[in-house]
Amino acid sequence: MTKEKKKEENKPVTKNFIWLALAFALFVIGIHQSLTVGFEYSYWIFMLSISLLLLHRYKSKPNDGNTK
């Protein structure tokens, strides 16, 4: 295998890890903001965190090619 092929294989894993890390970081930030200013002001942070978790799950799901 060439070095370029190895880099291409690692790219999706790295992107998925970044989505997951951002989701976790935003969740922690959301908890902190909820404790300091209240849930109603940090709601958008939790929604962004959940959106990133859903994006991570969608991107990491294997593509079977069986669409109905």
N, C-alpha and C. Protein backbone atom coordinates (compact mmCIF):
# COMPACT_ATOMS: atom_id res chain seq x y z
N MET A 1 0.83 -1.18 0.00
CA MET A 1 0.00 0.00 0.00
C MET A 1 0.87 1.25 0.00
N THR A 2 0.42 2.22 -0.72
CA THR A 2 1.17 3.47 -0.75
C THR A 2 0.74 4.36 0.40
N LYS A 3 1.52 5.37 0.65
CA LYS A 3 1.20 6.30 1.74
C LYS A 3 -0.08 7.07 1.45
N GLU A 4 -0.32 7.40 0.18
CA GLU A 4 -1.52 8.14 -0.17
C GLU A 4 -2.77 7.32 0.11
N LYS A 5 -2.72 6.03 -0.17
CA LYS A 5 -3.87 5.17 0.08
C LYS A 5 -4.16 5.07 1.57
N LYS A 6 -3.12 4.98 2.39
CA LYS A 6 -3.31 4.90 3.83
C LYS A 6 -3.95 6.18 4.36
N LYS A 7 -3.54 7.32 3.83
CA LYS A 7 -4.12 8.59 4.26
C LYS A 7 -5.60 8.66 3.91
N GLU A 8 -5.96 8.17 2.72
CA GLU A 8 -7.35 8.19 2.31
C GLU A 8 -8.20 7.27 3.18
N GLU A 9 -7.67 6.15 3.61
CA GLU A 9 -8.41 5.23 4.46
C GLU A 9 -8.63 5.81 5.84
N ASN A 10 -7.72 6.58 6.36
CA ASN A 10 -7.82 7.15 7.71
C ASN A 10 -8.70 8.39 7.76
N LYS A 11 -8.95 9.03 6.64
CA LYS A 11 -9.70 10.28 6.65
C LYS A 11 -11.11 10.14 7.24
N PRO A 12 -11.92 9.18 6.80
CA PRO A 12 -13.28 9.09 7.38
C PRO A 12 -13.26 8.81 8.88
N VAL A 13 -12.34 8.03 9.34
CA VAL A 13 -12.27 7.74 10.77
C VAL A 13 -11.93 9.00 11.54
N THR A 14 -11.03 9.78 11.01
CA THR A 14 -10.64 11.02 11.66
C THR A 14 -11.80 12.01 11.70
N LYS A 15 -12.53 12.13 10.60
CA LYS A 15 -13.67 13.06 10.57
C LYS A 15 -14.74 12.61 11.56
N ASN A 16 -15.00 11.32 11.62
CA ASN A 16 -16.00 10.83 12.57
C ASN A 16 -15.57 11.08 14.00
N PHE A 17 -14.29 10.93 14.27
CA PHE A 17 -13.79 11.21 15.62
C PHE A 17 -13.94 12.69 15.96
N ILE A 18 -13.71 13.55 14.99
CA ILE A 18 -13.86 14.99 15.22
C ILE A 18 -15.32 15.33 15.52
N TRP A 19 -16.27 14.75 14.78
CA TRP A 19 -17.70 15.00 15.06
C TRP A 19 -18.06 14.56 16.47
N LEU A 20 -17.55 13.38 16.86
CA LEU A 20 -17.85 12.86 18.19
C LEU A 20 -17.22 13.72 19.28
N ALA A 21 -15.98 14.15 19.07
CA ALA A 21 -15.31 14.98 20.06
C ALA A 21 -16.00 16.34 20.21
N LEU A 22 -16.42 16.92 19.10
CA LEU A 22 -17.15 18.20 19.17
C LEU A 22 -18.48 18.04 19.89
N ALA A 23 -19.17 16.95 19.62
CA ALA A 23 -20.45 16.70 20.29
C ALA A 23 -20.25 16.57 21.80
N PHE A 24 -19.23 15.84 22.19
CA PHE A 24 -18.95 15.68 23.62
C PHE A 24 -18.57 17.02 24.26
N ALA A 25 -17.73 17.79 23.58
CA ALA A 25 -17.31 19.08 24.12
C ALA A 25 -18.51 20.02 24.26
N LEU A 26 -19.38 20.05 23.27
CA LEU A 26 -20.56 20.92 23.36
C LEU A 26 -21.51 20.46 24.46
N PHE A 27 -21.59 19.16 24.68
CA PHE A 27 -22.43 18.66 25.77
C PHE A 27 -21.91 19.12 27.12
N VAL A 28 -20.61 19.04 27.30
CA VAL A 28 -20.00 19.50 28.56
C VAL A 28 -20.20 21.00 28.73
N ILE A 29 -20.02 21.76 27.66
CA ILE A 29 -20.25 23.21 27.71
C ILE A 29 -21.71 23.49 28.04
N GLY A 30 -22.62 22.71 27.44
CA GLY A 30 -24.05 22.89 27.72
C GLY A 30 -24.38 22.64 29.17
N ILE A 31 -23.78 21.62 29.77
CA ILE A 31 -24.01 21.36 31.19
C ILE A 31 -23.50 22.52 32.04
N HIS A 32 -22.32 23.01 31.71
CA HIS A 32 -21.77 24.15 32.46
C HIS A 32 -22.67 25.37 32.34
N GLN A 33 -23.12 25.66 31.13
CA GLN A 33 -23.98 26.82 30.93
C GLN A 33 -25.34 26.64 31.62
N SER A 34 -25.83 25.41 31.65
CA SER A 34 -27.09 25.16 32.35
C SER A 34 -26.98 25.44 33.84
N LEU A 35 -25.84 25.09 34.40
CA LEU A 35 -25.65 25.32 35.83
C LEU A 35 -25.42 26.80 36.15
N THR A 36 -24.86 27.55 35.20
CA THR A 36 -24.56 28.95 35.49
C THR A 36 -25.69 29.89 35.09
N VAL A 37 -26.25 29.74 33.89
CA VAL A 37 -27.27 30.70 33.44
C VAL A 37 -28.64 30.09 33.25
N GLY A 38 -28.75 28.78 33.31
CA GLY A 38 -30.05 28.13 33.17
C GLY A 38 -30.18 27.38 31.86
N PHE A 39 -31.09 26.41 31.87
CA PHE A 39 -31.26 25.53 30.71
C PHE A 39 -31.82 26.26 29.50
N GLU A 40 -32.71 27.22 29.73
CA GLU A 40 -33.34 27.90 28.60
C GLU A 40 -32.34 28.70 27.77
N TYR A 41 -31.23 29.10 28.36
CA TYR A 41 -30.21 29.83 27.61
C TYR A 41 -29.14 28.92 27.00
N SER A 42 -29.12 27.67 27.42
CA SER A 42 -28.12 26.74 26.88
C SER A 42 -28.77 25.64 26.05
N TYR A 43 -30.05 25.76 25.79
CA TYR A 43 -30.78 24.76 25.02
C TYR A 43 -30.17 24.56 23.64
N TRP A 44 -29.80 25.65 22.99
CA TRP A 44 -29.24 25.56 21.63
C TRP A 44 -27.92 24.79 21.61
N ILE A 45 -27.17 24.85 22.70
CA ILE A 45 -25.90 24.11 22.77
C ILE A 45 -26.18 22.62 22.81
N PHE A 46 -27.20 22.22 23.59
CA PHE A 46 -27.56 20.81 23.64
C PHE A 46 -28.09 20.32 22.29
N MET A 47 -28.87 21.15 21.61
CA MET A 47 -29.40 20.76 20.31
C MET A 47 -28.27 20.60 19.29
N LEU A 48 -27.29 21.47 19.34
CA LEU A 48 -26.14 21.35 18.44
C LEU A 48 -25.35 20.09 18.76
N SER A 49 -25.21 19.78 20.02
CA SER A 49 -24.50 18.56 20.43
C SER A 49 -25.23 17.31 19.93
N ILE A 50 -26.53 17.27 20.08
CA ILE A 50 -27.31 16.13 19.60
C ILE A 50 -27.24 16.02 18.09
N SER A 51 -27.27 17.16 17.41
CA SER A 51 -27.15 17.15 15.94
C SER A 51 -25.82 16.56 15.50
N LEU A 52 -24.76 16.91 16.20
CA LEU A 52 -23.45 16.35 15.85
C LEU A 52 -23.38 14.86 16.15
N LEU A 53 -24.04 14.41 17.22
CA LEU A 53 -24.10 12.98 17.50
C LEU A 53 -24.85 12.23 16.40
N LEU A 54 -25.94 12.81 15.94
CA LEU A 54 -26.68 12.18 14.84
C LEU A 54 -25.86 12.17 13.55
N LEU A 55 -25.14 13.24 13.30
CA LEU A 55 -24.27 13.29 12.12
C LEU A 55 -23.18 12.23 12.22
N HIS A 56 -22.60 12.07 13.40
CA HIS A 56 -21.57 11.05 13.60
C HIS A 56 -22.13 9.66 13.34
N ARG A 57 -23.32 9.41 13.85
CA ARG A 57 -23.94 8.09 13.65
C ARG A 57 -24.25 7.86 12.17
N TYR A 58 -24.74 8.88 11.49
CA TYR A 58 -25.06 8.75 10.07
C TYR A 58 -23.81 8.50 9.23
N LYS A 59 -22.74 9.22 9.53
CA LYS A 59 -21.50 9.08 8.77
C LYS A 59 -20.78 7.77 9.06
N SER A 60 -20.91 7.24 10.28
CA SER A 60 -20.18 6.02 10.63
C SER A 60 -20.96 4.76 10.27
N LYS A 61 -22.22 4.91 9.89
CA LYS A 61 -23.03 3.76 9.51
C LYS A 61 -22.52 3.17 8.20
N PRO A 62 -22.32 1.86 8.15
CA PRO A 62 -21.81 1.28 6.90
C PRO A 62 -22.85 1.37 5.79
N ASN A 63 -22.38 1.63 4.60
CA ASN A 63 -23.25 1.78 3.44
C ASN A 63 -23.41 0.41 2.78
N ASP A 64 -24.61 -0.19 2.92
CA ASP A 64 -24.86 -1.51 2.36
C ASP A 64 -25.19 -1.44 0.87
N GLY A 65 -25.81 -0.36 0.46
CA GLY A 65 -26.25 -0.25 -0.91
C GLY A 65 -27.65 -0.84 -1.11
N ASN A 66 -28.25 -1.32 -0.04
CA ASN A 66 -29.60 -1.89 -0.10
C ASN A 66 -30.61 -0.81 0.25
N THR A 67 -31.00 -0.02 -0.72
CA THR A 67 -32.00 1.01 -0.48
C THR A 67 -33.31 0.53 -1.06
N LYS A 68 -34.37 0.70 -0.31
CA LYS A 68 -35.70 0.25 -0.77
C LYS A 68 -36.59 1.42 -1.02
